[in-house]
N, C-alpha and C. Protein backbone atom coordinates (compact mmCIF):
# COMPACT_ATOMS: atom_id res chain seq x y z
N MET A 1 -39.72 17.08 3.31
CA MET A 1 -38.63 18.48 4.29
C MET A 1 -38.32 18.77 3.33
N VAL A 2 -38.58 20.30 3.38
CA VAL A 2 -38.41 21.25 2.54
C VAL A 2 -36.89 21.65 2.50
N LEU A 3 -36.28 22.18 1.10
CA LEU A 3 -34.73 22.18 1.65
C LEU A 3 -34.57 23.94 1.14
N THR A 4 -34.07 24.33 1.89
CA THR A 4 -33.72 25.53 2.01
C THR A 4 -32.75 25.82 1.11
N PRO A 5 -32.68 27.28 0.90
CA PRO A 5 -31.46 27.49 -0.20
C PRO A 5 -29.92 27.32 0.49
N GLU A 6 -29.72 27.71 1.58
CA GLU A 6 -28.64 27.42 2.26
C GLU A 6 -28.03 25.47 2.55
N MET A 7 -29.51 24.97 2.08
CA MET A 7 -28.99 23.50 2.51
C MET A 7 -28.64 22.81 1.34
N ILE A 8 -29.72 23.44 -0.37
CA ILE A 8 -29.27 23.38 -1.62
C ILE A 8 -27.56 23.73 -1.69
N LYS A 9 -26.99 24.49 -1.00
CA LYS A 9 -25.30 25.73 -1.32
C LYS A 9 -24.43 24.46 -0.63
N TRP A 10 -24.96 23.92 0.40
CA TRP A 10 -24.29 23.23 1.07
C TRP A 10 -24.03 21.85 0.36
N ASN A 11 -25.35 20.88 0.31
CA ASN A 11 -25.14 20.00 -0.94
C ASN A 11 -24.73 19.99 -1.89
N LYS A 12 -24.63 21.09 -2.51
CA LYS A 12 -23.85 21.69 -3.93
C LYS A 12 -21.98 21.47 -3.93
N MET A 13 -22.05 21.94 -2.45
CA MET A 13 -20.29 22.15 -1.70
C MET A 13 -19.98 20.76 -1.66
N ILE A 14 -20.68 20.09 -0.84
CA ILE A 14 -20.29 18.46 -0.51
C ILE A 14 -20.16 17.79 -2.00
N GLU A 15 -21.06 17.59 -2.82
CA GLU A 15 -20.82 16.91 -3.77
C GLU A 15 -19.70 17.48 -4.84
N GLU A 16 -19.23 18.11 -4.65
CA GLU A 16 -17.96 19.28 -5.33
C GLU A 16 -17.02 18.70 -4.94
N GLN A 17 -16.73 18.67 -3.54
CA GLN A 17 -15.67 18.03 -2.96
C GLN A 17 -15.94 16.47 -3.12
N ARG A 18 -16.78 15.82 -2.85
CA ARG A 18 -16.43 14.38 -3.28
C ARG A 18 -16.06 13.75 -4.58
N LYS A 19 -16.48 14.59 -6.15
CA LYS A 19 -16.25 15.04 -6.93
C LYS A 19 -14.26 14.36 -7.49
N LYS A 20 -13.77 15.93 -6.87
CA LYS A 20 -12.60 16.85 -6.54
C LYS A 20 -11.84 15.09 -5.42
N ASP A 21 -12.24 14.67 -4.84
CA ASP A 21 -11.64 13.63 -3.85
C ASP A 21 -11.85 11.87 -4.69
N LYS A 22 -12.56 11.90 -5.61
CA LYS A 22 -12.58 10.65 -5.98
C LYS A 22 -11.81 10.62 -7.54
N ASN A 23 -11.32 11.78 -8.06
CA ASN A 23 -10.36 12.24 -8.67
C ASN A 23 -9.07 11.71 -8.40
N LYS A 24 -8.83 11.94 -7.41
CA LYS A 24 -7.75 12.25 -6.99
C LYS A 24 -6.88 10.51 -6.77
N THR A 25 -5.57 10.17 -7.40
CA THR A 25 -5.35 9.55 -6.81
C THR A 25 -4.12 9.11 -6.76
N PHE A 26 -3.84 8.21 -5.83
CA PHE A 26 -2.16 8.01 -5.29
C PHE A 26 -0.97 7.97 -6.25
N ASN A 27 0.10 8.96 -6.06
CA ASN A 27 1.19 8.25 -6.80
C ASN A 27 2.22 9.08 -6.38
N GLU A 28 3.34 7.95 -6.91
CA GLU A 28 4.71 8.50 -6.16
C GLU A 28 5.11 9.61 -5.91
N GLU A 29 4.81 10.59 -6.69
CA GLU A 29 5.40 12.28 -6.48
C GLU A 29 4.59 12.75 -5.50
N ILE A 30 2.82 12.78 -5.59
CA ILE A 30 2.16 13.81 -4.56
C ILE A 30 2.66 13.55 -3.31
N ARG A 31 3.61 12.65 -2.23
CA ARG A 31 4.13 13.17 -1.17
C ARG A 31 4.74 13.46 -0.84
N VAL A 32 5.07 15.13 -0.69
CA VAL A 32 6.14 15.60 -0.73
C VAL A 32 6.67 16.17 0.78
N ASP A 33 5.97 15.64 1.66
CA ASP A 33 6.20 15.31 2.99
C ASP A 33 7.53 14.13 3.30
N VAL A 34 7.61 13.50 2.20
CA VAL A 34 8.13 11.76 2.86
C VAL A 34 9.91 13.06 3.10
N GLN A 35 10.13 12.14 4.17
CA GLN A 35 11.49 11.76 4.10
C GLN A 35 12.22 11.80 3.37
N GLU A 36 13.14 12.42 2.62
CA GLU A 36 14.35 11.41 2.09
C GLU A 36 14.77 10.24 2.44
N ASP A 37 15.11 10.44 2.93
CA ASP A 37 15.04 8.59 3.35
C ASP A 37 14.50 7.37 2.73
N ILE A 38 13.67 8.57 3.28
CA ILE A 38 11.60 7.20 2.92
C ILE A 38 11.94 7.39 0.98
N ARG A 39 12.00 8.11 1.01
CA ARG A 39 12.07 8.24 -0.85
C ARG A 39 13.02 6.94 -1.77
N ASP A 40 14.57 7.16 -0.52
CA ASP A 40 15.17 6.02 -0.93
C ASP A 40 14.97 4.69 -0.88
N LEU A 41 14.40 4.33 0.58
CA LEU A 41 14.12 3.07 0.93
C LEU A 41 13.29 2.93 0.13
N TYR A 42 11.87 3.57 -0.64
CA TYR A 42 11.12 3.41 -1.63
C TYR A 42 11.70 2.58 -2.74
N ASN A 43 12.41 3.65 -3.74
CA ASN A 43 12.94 3.18 -4.53
C ASN A 43 14.18 2.06 -4.55
N ASN A 44 14.77 1.62 -3.51
CA ASN A 44 15.23 0.61 -3.56
C ASN A 44 14.41 -0.98 -2.90
N LEU A 45 12.96 -0.56 -2.04
CA LEU A 45 12.24 -1.78 -1.87
C LEU A 45 11.63 -1.80 -3.09
N LYS A 46 11.31 -1.05 -4.34
CA LYS A 46 10.53 -0.76 -5.45
C LYS A 46 11.73 -1.79 -6.21
N LYS A 47 12.91 -1.85 -6.74
CA LYS A 47 13.67 -2.76 -7.21
C LYS A 47 13.77 -3.77 -6.88
N ASN A 48 14.34 -4.20 -5.08
CA ASN A 48 14.15 -5.10 -4.96
C ASN A 48 12.68 -5.90 -5.41
N LEU A 49 11.59 -5.41 -5.45
CA LEU A 49 10.68 -6.41 -5.37
C LEU A 49 10.50 -6.73 -7.27
N LEU A 50 10.80 -5.50 -7.68
CA LEU A 50 10.41 -5.83 -9.40
C LEU A 50 11.68 -7.20 -9.44
N ASN A 51 12.61 -7.30 -8.76
CA ASN A 51 13.49 -8.38 -9.26
C ASN A 51 12.99 -9.80 -8.57
N VAL A 52 12.18 -9.80 -7.96
CA VAL A 52 11.41 -11.02 -7.56
C VAL A 52 11.70 -11.92 -9.13
N GLY A 53 10.48 -11.03 -9.66
CA GLY A 53 9.99 -11.87 -11.25
C GLY A 53 9.64 -11.03 -12.23
N LYS A 54 9.93 -11.33 -13.41
CA LYS A 54 9.96 -11.25 -14.71
C LYS A 54 8.71 -10.55 -14.83
N ASP A 55 7.17 -10.75 -14.22
CA ASP A 55 6.21 -10.11 -14.88
C ASP A 55 5.03 -9.49 -13.79
N ILE A 56 5.90 -9.15 -13.26
CA ILE A 56 5.17 -7.83 -12.04
C ILE A 56 5.20 -6.75 -12.75
N LYS A 57 3.86 -6.18 -12.34
CA LYS A 57 3.20 -4.80 -12.90
C LYS A 57 3.41 -4.31 -11.51
N ILE A 58 3.14 -2.58 -11.58
CA ILE A 58 2.81 -2.10 -10.52
C ILE A 58 1.79 -1.17 -11.12
N VAL A 59 1.07 -1.22 -10.11
CA VAL A 59 -0.54 -0.55 -9.84
C VAL A 59 -0.59 0.60 -9.15
N GLN A 60 -1.09 1.69 -9.40
CA GLN A 60 -1.40 2.77 -8.43
C GLN A 60 -2.74 2.87 -8.26
N GLN A 61 -3.32 2.37 -7.06
CA GLN A 61 -4.19 3.09 -5.84
C GLN A 61 -4.28 4.00 -5.83
N LYS A 62 -5.82 4.47 -5.22
CA LYS A 62 -5.98 5.25 -4.46
C LYS A 62 -4.65 6.00 -3.19
N LYS A 63 -4.88 4.71 -2.66
CA LYS A 63 -4.00 4.92 -1.02
C LYS A 63 -2.94 4.44 -1.62
N TYR A 64 -2.37 3.46 -1.61
CA TYR A 64 -1.21 2.32 -1.87
C TYR A 64 -1.00 2.34 -3.03
N ILE A 65 0.15 1.37 -3.78
CA ILE A 65 0.87 1.30 -5.08
C ILE A 65 0.63 -0.66 -4.75
N ALA A 66 0.21 -1.31 -5.76
CA ALA A 66 -0.49 -2.85 -5.86
C ALA A 66 1.33 -3.05 -6.31
N PHE A 67 1.88 -4.16 -6.10
CA PHE A 67 2.56 -5.40 -6.85
C PHE A 67 2.49 -6.37 -7.40
N LYS A 68 1.56 -6.37 -8.53
CA LYS A 68 0.44 -7.52 -8.81
C LYS A 68 1.36 -8.01 -10.25
N VAL A 69 1.03 -9.63 -9.97
CA VAL A 69 1.33 -10.95 -11.05
C VAL A 69 0.10 -10.78 -11.61
N ARG A 70 -0.58 -12.37 -11.25
CA ARG A 70 -2.16 -11.92 -11.50
C ARG A 70 -3.00 -11.00 -10.72
N SER A 71 -2.54 -11.13 -9.62
CA SER A 71 -3.43 -10.49 -8.43
C SER A 71 -2.23 -9.61 -7.59
N SER A 72 -2.55 -8.77 -6.29
CA SER A 72 -1.94 -8.35 -5.85
C SER A 72 -0.93 -9.29 -4.89
N PHE A 73 0.22 -9.28 -4.87
CA PHE A 73 1.12 -10.16 -3.91
C PHE A 73 1.65 -9.12 -2.73
N VAL A 74 1.75 -8.04 -2.92
CA VAL A 74 2.60 -7.14 -1.83
C VAL A 74 1.62 -5.44 -2.69
N ASP A 75 1.58 -4.51 -1.50
CA ASP A 75 0.64 -3.66 -1.47
C ASP A 75 1.46 -2.78 -0.34
N VAL A 76 2.03 -1.11 -1.01
CA VAL A 76 2.73 -0.37 -0.16
C VAL A 76 2.01 0.64 0.23
N GLU A 77 2.15 1.15 1.58
CA GLU A 77 2.07 2.26 1.67
C GLU A 77 2.90 3.40 1.63
N ILE A 78 3.12 4.46 1.06
CA ILE A 78 4.71 5.45 1.42
C ILE A 78 4.03 6.47 2.78
N LEU A 79 4.30 6.10 3.76
CA LEU A 79 4.02 7.09 5.10
C LEU A 79 5.21 8.48 5.07
N LYS A 80 5.21 9.21 5.95
CA LYS A 80 6.08 10.06 6.10
C LYS A 80 7.28 9.48 6.49
N SER A 81 7.78 8.94 7.49
CA SER A 81 8.39 8.37 7.82
C SER A 81 9.11 6.77 8.06
N TYR A 82 7.96 6.57 7.40
CA TYR A 82 8.21 4.57 6.81
C TYR A 82 7.66 4.28 5.65
N ILE A 83 7.52 3.06 5.94
CA ILE A 83 6.50 2.33 4.42
C ILE A 83 6.09 1.37 4.90
N LYS A 84 4.61 1.22 4.87
CA LYS A 84 3.78 -0.11 5.48
C LYS A 84 3.70 -1.38 4.42
N CYS A 85 4.21 -2.05 4.17
CA CYS A 85 3.80 -3.38 3.35
C CYS A 85 2.51 -4.42 3.90
N HIS A 86 1.73 -4.25 3.20
CA HIS A 86 0.59 -5.45 3.27
C HIS A 86 1.04 -6.76 2.19
N ILE A 87 1.10 -8.04 3.14
CA ILE A 87 1.73 -9.08 2.48
C ILE A 87 0.15 -10.27 2.02
N ASN A 88 -0.16 -10.25 0.62
CA ASN A 88 -1.38 -10.97 0.43
C ASN A 88 -1.08 -12.63 0.61
N MET A 89 -1.51 -12.68 1.96
CA MET A 89 -1.46 -14.10 2.15
C MET A 89 -2.61 -14.27 3.49
N LYS A 90 -3.16 -15.54 3.74
CA LYS A 90 -3.81 -15.18 4.45
C LYS A 90 -3.49 -15.82 5.44
N LYS A 91 -4.17 -15.38 6.71
CA LYS A 91 -3.33 -15.62 8.33
C LYS A 91 -3.06 -17.37 8.35
N GLY A 92 -1.58 -17.41 8.38
CA GLY A 92 -1.41 -18.90 9.28
C GLY A 92 0.11 -19.32 7.94
N THR A 93 -0.45 -18.72 7.08
CA THR A 93 -0.09 -19.27 5.85
C THR A 93 1.54 -18.75 5.66
N LEU A 94 1.97 -17.61 6.07
CA LEU A 94 2.92 -16.92 6.06
C LEU A 94 4.23 -17.80 6.85
N LYS A 95 5.52 -18.12 6.15
CA LYS A 95 6.58 -18.13 6.86
C LYS A 95 7.19 -16.75 7.43
N ASP A 96 6.88 -16.87 9.16
CA ASP A 96 7.89 -15.41 9.25
C ASP A 96 8.82 -15.78 10.51
N PRO A 97 9.82 -16.43 10.54
CA PRO A 97 10.81 -16.77 11.08
C PRO A 97 10.55 -16.05 12.91
N ASN A 98 11.08 -14.52 12.02
CA ASN A 98 11.53 -13.43 13.11
C ASN A 98 9.85 -12.74 14.07
N GLU A 99 9.19 -12.83 13.46
CA GLU A 99 7.87 -12.57 13.59
C GLU A 99 7.54 -11.34 14.09
N ARG A 100 8.03 -10.38 12.60
CA ARG A 100 8.05 -9.01 12.38
C ARG A 100 6.58 -8.83 12.01
N THR A 101 5.66 -9.83 11.43
CA THR A 101 4.79 -9.02 10.83
C THR A 101 3.47 -8.65 11.63
N ARG A 102 2.86 -8.07 11.33
CA ARG A 102 1.62 -7.86 12.19
C ARG A 102 0.41 -8.58 11.53
N ASP A 103 -0.71 -9.34 12.58
CA ASP A 103 -1.98 -9.94 11.84
C ASP A 103 -2.75 -8.89 11.74
N MET A 104 -3.27 -8.57 10.37
CA MET A 104 -4.23 -7.81 10.41
C MET A 104 -5.49 -8.42 9.58
N SER A 105 -5.63 -9.31 9.84
CA SER A 105 -6.86 -10.57 9.19
C SER A 105 -8.08 -9.93 10.11
N ASN A 106 -8.05 -9.72 11.07
CA ASN A 106 -9.72 -8.76 11.78
C ASN A 106 -9.52 -7.66 12.02
N LEU A 107 -8.55 -6.79 11.07
CA LEU A 107 -8.67 -5.29 10.81
C LEU A 107 -8.44 -4.26 9.72
N GLY A 108 -9.11 -3.46 9.55
CA GLY A 108 -8.94 -2.67 8.46
C GLY A 108 -8.11 -2.36 7.77
N HIS A 109 -7.37 -2.61 6.42
CA HIS A 109 -6.59 -1.23 5.99
C HIS A 109 -6.87 -1.34 4.60
N PHE A 110 -5.48 -0.74 4.14
CA PHE A 110 -5.91 -0.45 2.75
C PHE A 110 -4.87 -1.42 1.96
N GLY A 111 -5.20 -2.51 1.21
CA GLY A 111 -4.69 -3.03 0.64
C GLY A 111 -4.96 -4.34 0.86
N THR A 112 -4.39 -5.46 0.64
CA THR A 112 -4.55 -6.76 0.45
C THR A 112 -3.80 -8.01 0.99
N GLY A 113 -4.18 -8.72 2.18
CA GLY A 113 -3.38 -9.37 2.89
C GLY A 113 -3.62 -9.18 4.10
N ASP A 114 -3.25 -10.46 4.63
CA ASP A 114 -3.75 -10.55 6.29
C ASP A 114 -2.30 -10.15 7.04
N TYR A 115 -1.06 -9.46 6.64
CA TYR A 115 0.27 -9.58 6.90
C TYR A 115 0.56 -7.91 6.85
N GLU A 116 0.87 -7.32 7.75
CA GLU A 116 1.36 -6.24 7.57
C GLU A 116 2.98 -5.47 8.48
N ILE A 117 4.23 -5.47 7.63
CA ILE A 117 5.37 -4.94 8.38
C ILE A 117 6.08 -3.83 7.38
N ILE A 118 6.25 -3.08 8.75
CA ILE A 118 6.98 -1.55 8.61
C ILE A 118 8.36 -1.65 8.26
N LEU A 119 8.61 -1.10 7.38
CA LEU A 119 10.05 -0.62 7.02
C LEU A 119 10.25 0.53 7.32
N LYS A 120 11.77 0.86 7.45
CA LYS A 120 12.65 2.08 7.99
C LYS A 120 13.75 2.38 7.53
N SER A 121 14.48 1.31 7.33
CA SER A 121 15.90 1.43 7.16
C SER A 121 16.15 0.16 5.63
N ILE A 122 16.85 0.27 4.64
CA ILE A 122 16.97 -0.57 3.43
C ILE A 122 17.72 -1.67 4.32
N GLU A 123 18.29 -1.74 4.98
CA GLU A 123 18.78 -2.93 5.82
C GLU A 123 17.29 -4.23 6.42
N GLU A 124 16.38 -3.32 6.55
CA GLU A 124 15.39 -4.50 6.25
C GLU A 124 14.35 -5.13 5.36
N ILE A 125 14.98 -4.98 4.25
CA ILE A 125 14.43 -5.01 2.60
C ILE A 125 14.87 -6.45 2.57
N PRO A 126 15.75 -7.23 2.54
CA PRO A 126 16.05 -8.61 2.49
C PRO A 126 15.38 -9.90 3.30
N TYR A 127 14.92 -9.29 4.54
CA TYR A 127 14.39 -10.12 5.02
C TYR A 127 12.65 -10.08 4.04
N PHE A 128 12.05 -8.60 4.35
CA PHE A 128 11.16 -8.62 4.26
C PHE A 128 10.98 -9.28 2.29
N ILE A 129 11.77 -9.21 1.47
CA ILE A 129 11.96 -9.76 0.37
C ILE A 129 11.41 -11.43 0.19
N ASP A 130 11.96 -11.92 1.07
CA ASP A 130 11.46 -13.15 1.40
C ASP A 130 10.40 -13.55 1.94
N LEU A 131 10.00 -12.67 2.59
CA LEU A 131 8.60 -12.96 2.94
C LEU A 131 7.70 -12.39 1.39
N ALA A 132 8.18 -11.71 0.80
CA ALA A 132 7.13 -11.40 -0.47
C ALA A 132 7.10 -12.30 -1.69
N LYS A 133 8.25 -13.03 -1.34
CA LYS A 133 8.87 -14.09 -2.22
C LYS A 133 7.50 -15.46 -2.64
N GLN A 134 7.35 -15.17 -1.18
CA GLN A 134 5.95 -15.98 -0.23
C GLN A 134 5.34 -16.47 -0.85
N ALA A 135 4.55 -14.71 -1.24
CA ALA A 135 3.04 -14.22 -1.61
C ALA A 135 3.09 -14.25 -3.42
N TYR A 136 4.41 -13.90 -3.85
CA TYR A 136 4.68 -14.06 -5.23
C TYR A 136 4.13 -15.66 -5.72
N ASP A 137 5.01 -16.69 -4.86
CA ASP A 137 4.74 -17.32 -5.27
C ASP A 137 3.42 -18.16 -5.69
N LYS A 138 2.56 -17.67 -4.25
CA LYS A 138 1.60 -17.86 -3.92
C LYS A 138 0.28 -17.81 -4.85
N ASN A 139 0.56 -16.42 -5.98
CA ASN A 139 -0.37 -15.59 -6.78
C ASN A 139 0.19 -15.81 -7.66
N SER A 140 1.70 -15.94 -8.17
CA SER A 140 1.92 -16.12 -9.71
C SER A 140 1.21 -17.47 -10.55
């Protein structure tokens, strides 16, 4: 197959865009469209997660924020009007008495773990922290 000048130009454009996308990383400041109450929710969530243990590190990933000890125990995606959290526990191992988590074991998602929970208000944080402590204990 012979590449025409248009095909070569098109391939260069695609390659340049891939390089730009590869260099983009997620960080807490990128999402300017996030509602103010969700920013407050994340700051409160982060403070509570860091209080779970003294050895927790925050690692910025491309699409989410990982809270780690030896490995990630909770991954957080900050979306426009809510926060999506993934709890790094295998299906069937998390004690969720109110059954608020969603089984993600057979679904693709950003982050690690088989459980997902959506947070929309500060009042939901204490219940989530109880779930996150289980993953912290398993991963520390």
